[in-house]
Amino acid sequence: MNVTGGQPAPPEAQDSKLARWLVVAVLCAILVAACVLGYLGWTSTDTSVPASGYVALVLGVVFSLVVGVGLMALVFYSSRKGYDEPVVLIREPESDPDDGHSGPR
């Protein structure tokens, strides 16, 4: 029984903890299944990959990581600099009738 401040936790909090652990368990099971399938797929053939194939694989992974990190850096930069703020219309001031102009130029 969870005790917070001398009182038992409400049932909703216990249900949400159970739901979180259930989600974590399902995601871990999916990760293990993906790793097993990847291993089986990698070792199920007798075909050998040439060195140029491994070089291409490494270069593709590195390029993808550089693009992903660069785009995330741009997202954080634009958010901190205020470029993600909504557009605000700034109206031009109306001309003064005493200056001899009847309206905007």
PDB file of N, CA and C in Angstrom:
ATOM      1  N   MET A   1       0.850  -1.176   0.000  1.00  0.00           N
ATOM      2  CA  MET A   1       0.000   0.000   0.000  1.00  0.00           C
ATOM      3  C   MET A   1       0.891   1.232   0.000  1.00  0.00           C
ATOM      4  N   ASN A   2       0.639   2.141  -0.931  1.00  0.00           N
ATOM      5  CA  ASN A   2       1.397   3.383  -0.987  1.00  0.00           C
ATOM      6  C   ASN A   2       0.832   4.378   0.005  1.00  0.00           C
ATOM      7  N   VAL A   3       1.712   5.016   0.731  1.00  0.00           N
ATOM      8  CA  VAL A   3       1.283   6.016   1.698  1.00  0.00           C
ATOM      9  C   VAL A   3       1.956   7.331   1.334  1.00  0.00           C
ATOM     10  N   THR A   4       1.150   8.356   1.101  1.00  0.00           N
ATOM     11  CA  THR A   4       1.685   9.681   0.794  1.00  0.00           C
ATOM     12  C   THR A   4       1.086  10.663   1.773  1.00  0.00           C
ATOM     13  N   GLY A   5       1.940  11.263   2.586  1.00  0.00           N
ATOM     14  CA  GLY A   5       1.455  12.243   3.558  1.00  0.00           C
ATOM     15  C   GLY A   5       0.578  11.630   4.628  1.00  0.00           C
ATOM     16  N   GLY A   6       0.759  10.346   4.936  1.00  0.00           N
ATOM     17  CA  GLY A   6      -0.029   9.726   5.985  1.00  0.00           C
ATOM     18  C   GLY A   6      -1.347   9.146   5.509  1.00  0.00           C
ATOM     19  N   GLN A   7      -1.671   9.331   4.212  1.00  0.00           N
ATOM     20  CA  GLN A   7      -2.927   8.813   3.695  1.00  0.00           C
ATOM     21  C   GLN A   7      -2.636   7.857   2.542  1.00  0.00           C
ATOM     22  N   PRO A   8      -3.473   6.846   2.372  1.00  0.00           N
ATOM     23  CA  PRO A   8      -3.246   5.911   1.255  1.00  0.00           C
ATOM     24  C   PRO A   8      -3.466   6.610  -0.084  1.00  0.00           C
ATOM     25  N   ALA A   9      -2.749   6.134  -1.103  1.00  0.00           N
ATOM     26  CA  ALA A   9      -2.883   6.712  -2.442  1.00  0.00           C
ATOM     27  C   ALA A   9      -4.249   6.372  -3.007  1.00  0.00           C
ATOM     28  N   PRO A  10      -4.832   7.276  -3.763  1.00  0.00           N
ATOM     29  CA  PRO A  10      -6.141   6.983  -4.349  1.00  0.00           C
ATOM     30  C   PRO A  10      -6.031   5.838  -5.367  1.00  0.00           C
ATOM     31  N   PRO A  11      -7.128   5.122  -5.611  1.00  0.00           N
ATOM     32  CA  PRO A  11      -7.082   3.986  -6.533  1.00  0.00           C
ATOM     33  C   PRO A  11      -6.662   4.393  -7.952  1.00  0.00           C
ATOM     34  N   GLU A  12      -6.982   5.629  -8.379  1.00  0.00           N
ATOM     35  CA  GLU A  12      -6.618   6.073  -9.722  1.00  0.00           C
ATOM     36  C   GLU A  12      -5.100   6.108  -9.888  1.00  0.00           C
ATOM     37  N   ALA A  13      -4.376   6.520  -8.838  1.00  0.00           N
ATOM     38  CA  ALA A  13      -2.918   6.579  -8.921  1.00  0.00           C
ATOM     39  C   ALA A  13      -2.330   5.185  -9.048  1.00  0.00           C
ATOM     40  N   GLN A  14      -2.884   4.222  -8.329  1.00  0.00           N
ATOM     41  CA  GLN A  14      -2.392   2.851  -8.429  1.00  0.00           C
ATOM     42  C   GLN A  14      -2.701   2.270  -9.801  1.00  0.00           C
ATOM     43  N   ASP A  15      -3.867   2.598 -10.361  1.00  0.00           N
ATOM     44  CA  ASP A  15      -4.220   2.117 -11.694  1.00  0.00           C
ATOM     45  C   ASP A  15      -3.297   2.711 -12.743  1.00  0.00           C
ATOM     46  N   SER A  16      -2.937   4.004 -12.596  1.00  0.00           N
ATOM     47  CA  SER A  16      -2.064   4.616 -13.593  1.00  0.00           C
ATOM     48  C   SER A  16      -0.648   4.054 -13.500  1.00  0.00           C
ATOM     49  N   LYS A  17      -0.191   3.708 -12.286  1.00  0.00           N
ATOM     50  CA  LYS A  17       1.121   3.070 -12.151  1.00  0.00           C
ATOM     51  C   LYS A  17       1.122   1.701 -12.818  1.00  0.00           C
ATOM     52  N   LEU A  18       0.045   0.955 -12.633  1.00  0.00           N
ATOM     53  CA  LEU A  18      -0.071  -0.353 -13.265  1.00  0.00           C
ATOM     54  C   LEU A  18      -0.088  -0.206 -14.789  1.00  0.00           C
ATOM     55  N   ALA A  19      -0.801   0.782 -15.281  1.00  0.00           N
ATOM     56  CA  ALA A  19      -0.863   1.009 -16.725  1.00  0.00           C
ATOM     57  C   ALA A  19       0.503   1.388 -17.267  1.00  0.00           C
ATOM     58  N   ARG A  20       1.250   2.214 -16.545  1.00  0.00           N
ATOM     59  CA  ARG A  20       2.599   2.594 -16.985  1.00  0.00           C
ATOM     60  C   ARG A  20       3.503   1.376 -17.062  1.00  0.00           C
ATOM     61  N   TRP A  21       3.473   0.533 -16.026  1.00  0.00           N
ATOM     62  CA  TRP A  21       4.317  -0.657 -16.022  1.00  0.00           C
ATOM     63  C   TRP A  21       3.899  -1.624 -17.123  1.00  0.00           C
ATOM     64  N   LEU A  22       2.606  -1.689 -17.400  1.00  0.00           N
ATOM     65  CA  LEU A  22       2.129  -2.547 -18.475  1.00  0.00           C
ATOM     66  C   LEU A  22       2.639  -2.048 -19.827  1.00  0.00           C
ATOM     67  N   VAL A  23       2.607  -0.745 -20.042  1.00  0.00           N
ATOM     68  CA  VAL A  23       3.122  -0.165 -21.289  1.00  0.00           C
ATOM     69  C   VAL A  23       4.622  -0.428 -21.406  1.00  0.00           C
ATOM     70  N   VAL A  24       5.362  -0.247 -20.320  1.00  0.00           N
ATOM     71  CA  VAL A  24       6.808  -0.502 -20.343  1.00  0.00           C
ATOM     72  C   VAL A  24       7.078  -1.972 -20.652  1.00  0.00           C
ATOM     73  N   ALA A  25       6.324  -2.873 -20.060  1.00  0.00           N
ATOM     74  CA  ALA A  25       6.513  -4.309 -20.298  1.00  0.00           C
ATOM     75  C   ALA A  25       6.221  -4.662 -21.755  1.00  0.00           C
ATOM     76  N   VAL A  26       5.154  -4.107 -22.321  1.00  0.00           N
ATOM     77  CA  VAL A  26       4.814  -4.384 -23.719  1.00  0.00           C
ATOM     78  C   VAL A  26       5.899  -3.843 -24.645  1.00  0.00           C
ATOM     79  N   LEU A  27       6.380  -2.634 -24.376  1.00  0.00           N
ATOM     80  CA  LEU A  27       7.433  -2.060 -25.214  1.00  0.00           C
ATOM     81  C   LEU A  27       8.732  -2.861 -25.111  1.00  0.00           C
ATOM     82  N   CYS A  28       9.063  -3.335 -23.926  1.00  0.00           N
ATOM     83  CA  CYS A  28      10.257  -4.179 -23.773  1.00  0.00           C
ATOM     84  C   CYS A  28      10.092  -5.487 -24.527  1.00  0.00           C
ATOM     85  N   ALA A  29       8.898  -6.067 -24.492  1.00  0.00           N
ATOM     86  CA  ALA A  29       8.648  -7.303 -25.236  1.00  0.00           C
ATOM     87  C   ALA A  29       8.789  -7.073 -26.736  1.00  0.00           C
ATOM     88  N   ILE A  30       8.302  -5.941 -27.235  1.00  0.00           N
ATOM     89  CA  ILE A  30       8.447  -5.612 -28.654  1.00  0.00           C
ATOM     90  C   ILE A  30       9.922  -5.424 -29.009  1.00  0.00           C
ATOM     91  N   LEU A  31      10.694  -4.784 -28.126  1.00  0.00           N
ATOM     92  CA  LEU A  31      12.125  -4.595 -28.369  1.00  0.00           C
ATOM     93  C   LEU A  31      12.850  -5.939 -28.432  1.00  0.00           C
ATOM     94  N   VAL A  32      12.548  -6.835 -27.501  1.00  0.00           N
ATOM     95  CA  VAL A  32      13.184  -8.152 -27.501  1.00  0.00           C
ATOM     96  C   VAL A  32      12.808  -8.909 -28.771  1.00  0.00           C
ATOM     97  N   ALA A  33      11.548  -8.856 -29.170  1.00  0.00           N
ATOM     98  CA  ALA A  33      11.109  -9.543 -30.387  1.00  0.00           C
ATOM     99  C   ALA A  33      11.814  -8.970 -31.617  1.00  0.00           C
ATOM    100  N   ALA A  34      11.983  -7.657 -31.683  1.00  0.00           N
ATOM    101  CA  ALA A  34      12.677  -7.045 -32.818  1.00  0.00           C
ATOM    102  C   ALA A  34      14.137  -7.469 -32.850  1.00  0.00           C
ATOM    103  N   CYS A  35      14.776  -7.529 -31.686  1.00  0.00           N
ATOM    104  CA  CYS A  35      16.182  -7.959 -31.631  1.00  0.00           C
ATOM    105  C   CYS A  35      16.323  -9.418 -32.058  1.00  0.00           C
ATOM    106  N   VAL A  36      15.423 -10.288 -31.606  1.00  0.00           N
ATOM    107  CA  VAL A  36      15.472 -11.701 -31.984  1.00  0.00           C
ATOM    108  C   VAL A  36      15.255 -11.850 -33.484  1.00  0.00           C
ATOM    109  N   LEU A  37      14.262 -11.172 -34.025  1.00  0.00           N
ATOM    110  CA  LEU A  37      14.005 -11.258 -35.465  1.00  0.00           C
ATOM    111  C   LEU A  37      15.167 -10.685 -36.273  1.00  0.00           C
ATOM    112  N   GLY A  38      15.778  -9.622 -35.799  1.00  0.00           N
ATOM    113  CA  GLY A  38      16.944  -9.065 -36.477  1.00  0.00           C
ATOM    114  C   GLY A  38      18.106 -10.025 -36.473  1.00  0.00           C
ATOM    115  N   TYR A  39      18.350 -10.658 -35.350  1.00  0.00           N
ATOM    116  CA  TYR A  39      19.438 -11.636 -35.259  1.00  0.00           C
ATOM    117  C   TYR A  39      19.175 -12.827 -36.181  1.00  0.00           C
ATOM    118  N   LEU A  40      17.945 -13.339 -36.148  1.00  0.00           N
ATOM    119  CA  LEU A  40      17.610 -14.482 -37.000  1.00  0.00           C
ATOM    120  C   LEU A  40      17.707 -14.114 -38.480  1.00  0.00           C
ATOM    121  N   GLY A  41      17.276 -12.939 -38.819  1.00  0.00           N
ATOM    122  CA  GLY A  41      17.371 -12.496 -40.205  1.00  0.00           C
ATOM    123  C   GLY A  41      18.807 -12.299 -40.638  1.00  0.00           C
ATOM    124  N   TRP A  42      19.650 -11.824 -39.730  1.00  0.00           N
ATOM    125  CA  TRP A  42      21.062 -11.566 -40.051  1.00  0.00           C
ATOM    126  C   TRP A  42      21.840 -12.867 -40.228  1.00  0.00           C
ATOM    127  N   THR A  43      21.493 -13.885 -39.432  1.00  0.00           N
ATOM    128  CA  THR A  43      22.271 -15.128 -39.451  1.00  0.00           C
ATOM    129  C   THR A  43      21.614 -16.236 -40.251  1.00  0.00           C
ATOM    130  N   SER A  44      20.471 -16.006 -40.875  1.00  0.00           N
ATOM    131  CA  SER A  44      19.751 -17.089 -41.551  1.00  0.00           C
ATOM    132  C   SER A  44      20.270 -17.375 -42.953  1.00  0.00           C
ATOM    133  N   THR A  45      21.191 -16.606 -43.449  1.00  0.00           N
ATOM    134  CA  THR A  45      21.678 -16.807 -44.810  1.00  0.00           C
ATOM    135  C   THR A  45      23.184 -17.075 -44.810  1.00  0.00           C
ATOM    136  N   ASP A  46      23.644 -17.737 -45.871  1.00  0.00           N
ATOM    137  CA  ASP A  46      25.072 -18.010 -46.006  1.00  0.00           C
ATOM    138  C   ASP A  46      25.782 -16.963 -46.849  1.00  0.00           C
ATOM    139  N   THR A  47      25.034 -16.005 -47.345  1.00  0.00           N
ATOM    140  CA  THR A  47      25.609 -14.976 -48.212  1.00  0.00           C
ATOM    141  C   THR A  47      26.517 -14.065 -47.406  1.00  0.00           C
ATOM    142  N   SER A  48      27.682 -13.792 -47.962  1.00  0.00           N
ATOM    143  CA  SER A  48      28.601 -12.878 -47.276  1.00  0.00           C
ATOM    144  C   SER A  48      28.467 -11.479 -47.880  1.00  0.00           C
ATOM    145  N   VAL A  49      28.614 -10.502 -47.041  1.00  0.00           N
ATOM    146  CA  VAL A  49      28.517  -9.111 -47.473  1.00  0.00           C
ATOM    147  C   VAL A  49      29.936  -8.604 -47.720  1.00  0.00           C
ATOM    148  N   PRO A  50      30.173  -7.995 -48.889  1.00  0.00           N
ATOM    149  CA  PRO A  50      31.517  -7.468 -49.149  1.00  0.00           C
ATOM    150  C   PRO A  50      31.823  -6.266 -48.262  1.00  0.00           C
ATOM    151  N   ALA A  51      33.082  -5.906 -48.194  1.00  0.00           N
ATOM    152  CA  ALA A  51      33.499  -4.775 -47.351  1.00  0.00           C
ATOM    153  C   ALA A  51      32.821  -3.489 -47.787  1.00  0.00           C
ATOM    154  N   SER A  52      32.599  -3.323 -49.085  1.00  0.00           N
ATOM    155  CA  SER A  52      31.945  -2.100 -49.567  1.00  0.00           C
ATOM    156  C   SER A  52      30.501  -2.014 -49.058  1.00  0.00           C
ATOM    157  N   GLY A  53      29.866  -3.160 -48.837  1.00  0.00           N
ATOM    158  CA  GLY A  53      28.509  -3.163 -48.282  1.00  0.00           C
ATOM    159  C   GLY A  53      28.496  -2.669 -46.852  1.00  0.00           C
ATOM    160  N   TYR A  54      29.477  -3.097 -46.063  1.00  0.00           N
ATOM    161  CA  TYR A  54      29.562  -2.620 -44.678  1.00  0.00           C
ATOM    162  C   TYR A  54      29.908  -1.137 -44.629  1.00  0.00           C
ATOM    163  N   VAL A  55      30.777  -0.694 -45.536  1.00  0.00           N
ATOM    164  CA  VAL A  55      31.115   0.736 -45.593  1.00  0.00           C
ATOM    165  C   VAL A  55      29.871   1.544 -45.933  1.00  0.00           C
ATOM    166  N   ALA A  56      29.089   1.084 -46.909  1.00  0.00           N
ATOM    167  CA  ALA A  56      27.860   1.779 -47.283  1.00  0.00           C
ATOM    168  C   ALA A  56      26.865   1.803 -46.124  1.00  0.00           C
ATOM    169  N   LEU A  57      26.775   0.703 -45.400  1.00  0.00           N
ATOM    170  CA  LEU A  57      25.874   0.632 -44.248  1.00  0.00           C
ATOM    171  C   LEU A  57      26.285   1.634 -43.170  1.00  0.00           C
ATOM    172  N   VAL A  58      27.571   1.684 -42.855  1.00  0.00           N
ATOM    173  CA  VAL A  58      28.068   2.616 -41.833  1.00  0.00           C
ATOM    174  C   VAL A  58      27.863   4.061 -42.283  1.00  0.00           C
ATOM    175  N   LEU A  59      28.179   4.357 -43.537  1.00  0.00           N
ATOM    176  CA  LEU A  59      27.999   5.726 -44.038  1.00  0.00           C
ATOM    177  C   LEU A  59      26.521   6.140 -44.027  1.00  0.00           C
ATOM    178  N   GLY A  60      25.642   5.220 -44.364  1.00  0.00           N
ATOM    179  CA  GLY A  60      24.211   5.519 -44.322  1.00  0.00           C
ATOM    180  C   GLY A  60      23.724   5.806 -42.915  1.00  0.00           C
ATOM    181  N   VAL A  61      24.183   5.023 -41.955  1.00  0.00           N
ATOM    182  CA  VAL A  61      23.789   5.246 -40.560  1.00  0.00           C
ATOM    183  C   VAL A  61      24.328   6.572 -40.056  1.00  0.00           C
ATOM    184  N   VAL A  62      25.602   6.854 -40.334  1.00  0.00           N
ATOM    185  CA  VAL A  62      26.207   8.110 -39.876  1.00  0.00           C
ATOM    186  C   VAL A  62      25.504   9.300 -40.515  1.00  0.00           C
ATOM    187  N   PHE A  63      25.233   9.229 -41.820  1.00  0.00           N
ATOM    188  CA  PHE A  63      24.547  10.335 -42.499  1.00  0.00           C
ATOM    189  C   PHE A  63      23.156  10.549 -41.917  1.00  0.00           C
ATOM    190  N   SER A  64      22.431   9.483 -41.659  1.00  0.00           N
ATOM    191  CA  SER A  64      21.090   9.604 -41.072  1.00  0.00           C
ATOM    192  C   SER A  64      21.148  10.227 -39.687  1.00  0.00           C
ATOM    193  N   LEU A  65      22.133   9.840 -38.888  1.00  0.00           N
ATOM    194  CA  LEU A  65      22.278  10.431 -37.554  1.00  0.00           C
ATOM    195  C   LEU A  65      22.627  11.911 -37.639  1.00  0.00           C
ATOM    196  N   VAL A  66      23.515  12.282 -38.570  1.00  0.00           N
ATOM    197  CA  VAL A  66      23.884  13.696 -38.724  1.00  0.00           C
ATOM    198  C   VAL A  66      22.674  14.518 -39.129  1.00  0.00           C
ATOM    199  N   VAL A  67      21.885  14.018 -40.071  1.00  0.00           N
ATOM    200  CA  VAL A  67      20.686  14.746 -40.494  1.00  0.00           C
ATOM    201  C   VAL A  67      19.693  14.866 -39.335  1.00  0.00           C
ATOM    202  N   GLY A  68      19.475  13.778 -38.605  1.00  0.00           N
ATOM    203  CA  GLY A  68      18.538  13.817 -37.476  1.00  0.00           C
ATOM    204  C   GLY A  68      18.981  14.772 -36.385  1.00  0.00           C
ATOM    205  N   VAL A  69      20.259  14.725 -36.019  1.00  0.00           N
ATOM    206  CA  VAL A  69      20.776  15.633 -34.982  1.00  0.00           C
ATOM    207  C   VAL A  69      20.719  17.073 -35.460  1.00  0.00           C
ATOM    208  N   GLY A  70      21.062  17.296 -36.720  1.00  0.00           N
ATOM    209  CA  GLY A  70      21.012  18.660 -37.261  1.00  0.00           C
ATOM    210  C   GLY A  70      19.600  19.225 -37.258  1.00  0.00           C
ATOM    211  N   LEU A  71      18.636  18.422 -37.655  1.00  0.00           N
ATOM    212  CA  LEU A  71      17.255  18.908 -37.662  1.00  0.00           C
ATOM    213  C   LEU A  71      16.738  19.171 -36.253  1.00  0.00           C
ATOM    214  N   MET A  72      17.093  18.306 -35.314  1.00  0.00           N
ATOM    215  CA  MET A  72      16.668  18.554 -33.933  1.00  0.00           C
ATOM    216  C   MET A  72      17.331  19.794 -33.371  1.00  0.00           C
ATOM    217  N   ALA A  73      18.594  20.038 -33.729  1.00  0.00           N
ATOM    218  CA  ALA A  73      19.274  21.253 -33.286  1.00  0.00           C
ATOM    219  C   ALA A  73      18.575  22.478 -33.848  1.00  0.00           C
ATOM    220  N   LEU A  74      18.155  22.424 -35.111  1.00  0.00           N
ATOM    221  CA  LEU A  74      17.421  23.553 -35.689  1.00  0.00           C
ATOM    222  C   LEU A  74      16.077  23.775 -35.002  1.00  0.00           C
ATOM    223  N   VAL A  75      15.413  22.696 -34.617  1.00  0.00           N
ATOM    224  CA  VAL A  75      14.133  22.830 -33.909  1.00  0.00           C
ATOM    225  C   VAL A  75      14.347  23.544 -32.579  1.00  0.00           C
ATOM    226  N   PHE A  76      15.360  23.128 -31.818  1.00  0.00           N
ATOM    227  CA  PHE A  76      15.615  23.766 -30.525  1.00  0.00           C
ATOM    228  C   PHE A  76      16.082  25.210 -30.705  1.00  0.00           C
ATOM    229  N   TYR A  77      16.910  25.468 -31.715  1.00  0.00           N
ATOM    230  CA  TYR A  77      17.408  26.818 -31.964  1.00  0.00           C
ATOM    231  C   TYR A  77      16.252  27.757 -32.315  1.00  0.00           C
ATOM    232  N   SER A  78      15.382  27.314 -33.221  1.00  0.00           N
ATOM    233  CA  SER A  78      14.279  28.188 -33.631  1.00  0.00           C
ATOM    234  C   SER A  78      13.295  28.409 -32.492  1.00  0.00           C
ATOM    235  N   SER A  79      13.126  27.403 -31.640  1.00  0.00           N
ATOM    236  CA  SER A  79      12.221  27.558 -30.506  1.00  0.00           C
ATOM    237  C   SER A  79      12.780  28.558 -29.497  1.00  0.00           C
ATOM    238  N   ARG A  80      14.072  28.499 -29.229  1.00  0.00           N
ATOM    239  CA  ARG A  80      14.683  29.407 -28.245  1.00  0.00           C
ATOM    240  C   ARG A  80      14.785  30.826 -28.755  1.00  0.00           C
ATOM    241  N   LYS A  81      14.962  31.001 -30.067  1.00  0.00           N
ATOM    242  CA  LYS A  81      15.104  32.345 -30.636  1.00  0.00           C
ATOM    243  C   LYS A  81      13.765  33.000 -30.931  1.00  0.00           C
ATOM    244  N   GLY A  82      12.668  32.291 -30.754  1.00  0.00           N
ATOM    245  CA  GLY A  82      11.351  32.875 -30.945  1.00  0.00           C
ATOM    246  C   GLY A  82      10.828  32.799 -32.364  1.00  0.00           C
ATOM    247  N   TYR A  83      11.474  32.024 -33.224  1.00  0.00           N
ATOM    248  CA  TYR A  83      11.009  31.909 -34.602  1.00  0.00           C
ATOM    249  C   TYR A  83       9.733  31.091 -34.710  1.00  0.00           C
ATOM    250  N   ASP A  84       9.367  30.385 -33.664  1.00  0.00           N
ATOM    251  CA  ASP A  84       8.166  29.552 -33.691  1.00  0.00           C
ATOM    252  C   ASP A  84       6.938  30.289 -33.151  1.00  0.00           C
ATOM    253  N   GLU A  85       7.099  31.554 -32.816  1.00  0.00           N
ATOM    254  CA  GLU A  85       5.977  32.325 -32.298  1.00  0.00           C
ATOM    255  C   GLU A  85       4.971  32.593 -33.411  1.00  0.00           C
ATOM    256  N   PRO A  86       3.686  32.769 -33.058  1.00  0.00           N
ATOM    257  CA  PRO A  86       2.693  33.056 -34.094  1.00  0.00           C
ATOM    258  C   PRO A  86       2.939  34.433 -34.715  1.00  0.00           C
ATOM    259  N   VAL A  87       2.498  34.577 -35.949  1.00  0.00           N
ATOM    260  CA  VAL A  87       2.678  35.823 -36.681  1.00  0.00           C
ATOM    261  C   VAL A  87       1.761  36.882 -36.095  1.00  0.00           C
ATOM    262  N   VAL A  88       2.295  38.099 -35.944  1.00  0.00           N
ATOM    263  CA  VAL A  88       1.515  39.218 -35.427  1.00  0.00           C
ATOM    264  C   VAL A  88       1.497  40.309 -36.487  1.00  0.00           C
ATOM    265  N   LEU A  89       0.319  40.776 -36.845  1.00  0.00           N
ATOM    266  CA  LEU A  89       0.185  41.831 -37.842  1.00  0.00           C
ATOM    267  C   LEU A  89       0.477  43.175 -37.185  1.00  0.00           C
ATOM    268  N   ILE A  90       1.432  43.903 -37.736  1.00  0.00           N
ATOM    269  CA  ILE A  90       1.761  45.243 -37.246  1.00  0.00           C
ATOM    270  C   ILE A  90       1.203  46.224 -38.262  1.00  0.00           C
ATOM    271  N   ARG A  91       0.203  46.955 -37.859  1.00  0.00           N
ATOM    272  CA  ARG A  91      -0.444  47.896 -38.775  1.00  0.00           C
ATOM    273  C   ARG A  91       0.404  49.158 -38.902  1.00  0.00           C
ATOM    274  N   GLU A  92       0.402  49.718 -40.114  1.00  0.00           N
ATOM    275  CA  GLU A  92       1.111  50.974 -40.318  1.00  0.00           C
ATOM    276  C   GLU A  92       0.286  52.099 -39.720  1.00  0.00           C
ATOM    277  N   PRO A  93       0.963  53.098 -39.149  1.00  0.00           N
ATOM    278  CA  PRO A  93       0.196  54.205 -38.571  1.00  0.00           C
ATOM    279  C   PRO A  93      -0.507  55.000 -39.664  1.00  0.00           C
ATOM    280  N   GLU A  94      -1.698  55.457 -39.322  1.00  0.00           N
ATOM    281  CA  GLU A  94      -2.439  56.274 -40.286  1.00  0.00           C
ATOM    282  C   GLU A  94      -1.789  57.643 -40.369  1.00  0.00           C
ATOM    283  N   SER A  95      -1.850  58.230 -41.559  1.00  0.00           N
ATOM    284  CA  SER A  95      -1.197  59.530 -41.745  1.00  0.00           C
ATOM    285  C   SER A  95      -1.978  60.634 -41.038  1.00  0.00           C
ATOM    286  N   ASP A  96      -1.277  61.656 -40.663  1.00  0.00           N
ATOM    287  CA  ASP A  96      -1.862  62.794 -39.974  1.00  0.00           C
ATOM    288  C   ASP A  96      -2.537  63.707 -41.009  1.00  0.00           C
ATOM    289  N   PRO A  97      -3.785  64.127 -40.801  1.00  0.00           N
ATOM    290  CA  PRO A  97      -4.470  64.959 -41.805  1.00  0.00           C
ATOM    291  C   PRO A  97      -3.813  66.336 -41.974  1.00  0.00           C
ATOM    292  N   ASP A  98      -3.004  66.772 -41.006  1.00  0.00           N
ATOM    293  CA  ASP A  98      -2.393  68.091 -41.091  1.00  0.00           C
ATOM    294  C   ASP A  98      -1.152  68.110 -41.960  1.00  0.00           C
ATOM    295  N   ASP A  99      -0.608  66.955 -42.351  1.00  0.00           N
ATOM    296  CA  ASP A  99       0.641  66.943 -43.101  1.00  0.00           C
ATOM    297  C   ASP A  99       0.429  67.047 -44.607  1.00  0.00           C
ATOM    298  N   GLY A 100      -0.812  67.166 -45.082  1.00  0.00           N
ATOM    299  CA  GLY A 100      -1.075  67.373 -46.480  1.00  0.00           C
ATOM    300  C   GLY A 100      -1.334  66.120 -47.279  1.00  0.00           C
ATOM    301  N   HIS A 101      -1.287  64.983 -46.668  1.00  0.00           N
ATOM    302  CA  HIS A 101      -1.570  63.735 -47.351  1.00  0.00           C
ATOM    303  C   HIS A 101      -2.945  63.258 -46.954  1.00  0.00           C
ATOM    304  N   SER A 102      -3.657  62.652 -47.924  1.00  0.00           N
ATOM    305  CA  SER A 102      -5.013  62.221 -47.614  1.00  0.00           C
ATOM    306  C   SER A 102      -5.081  60.751 -47.198  1.00  0.00           C
ATOM    307  N   GLY A 103      -3.979  60.026 -47.320  1.00  0.00           N
ATOM    308  CA  GLY A 103      -4.009  58.618 -46.952  1.00  0.00           C
ATOM    309  C   GLY A 103      -2.634  58.001 -47.074  1.00  0.00           C
ATOM    310  N   PRO A 104      -2.580  56.711 -46.998  1.00  0.00           N
ATOM    311  CA  PRO A 104      -1.282  56.056 -47.130  1.00  0.00           C
ATOM    312  C   PRO A 104      -0.731  56.206 -48.541  1.00  0.00           C
ATOM    313  N   ARG A 105       0.581  56.218 -48.660  1.00  0.00           N
ATOM    314  CA  ARG A 105       1.223  56.426 -49.975  1.00  0.00           C
ATOM    315  C   ARG A 105       1.243  55.202 -50.790  1.00  0.00           C
TER     316      ARG A 105
END
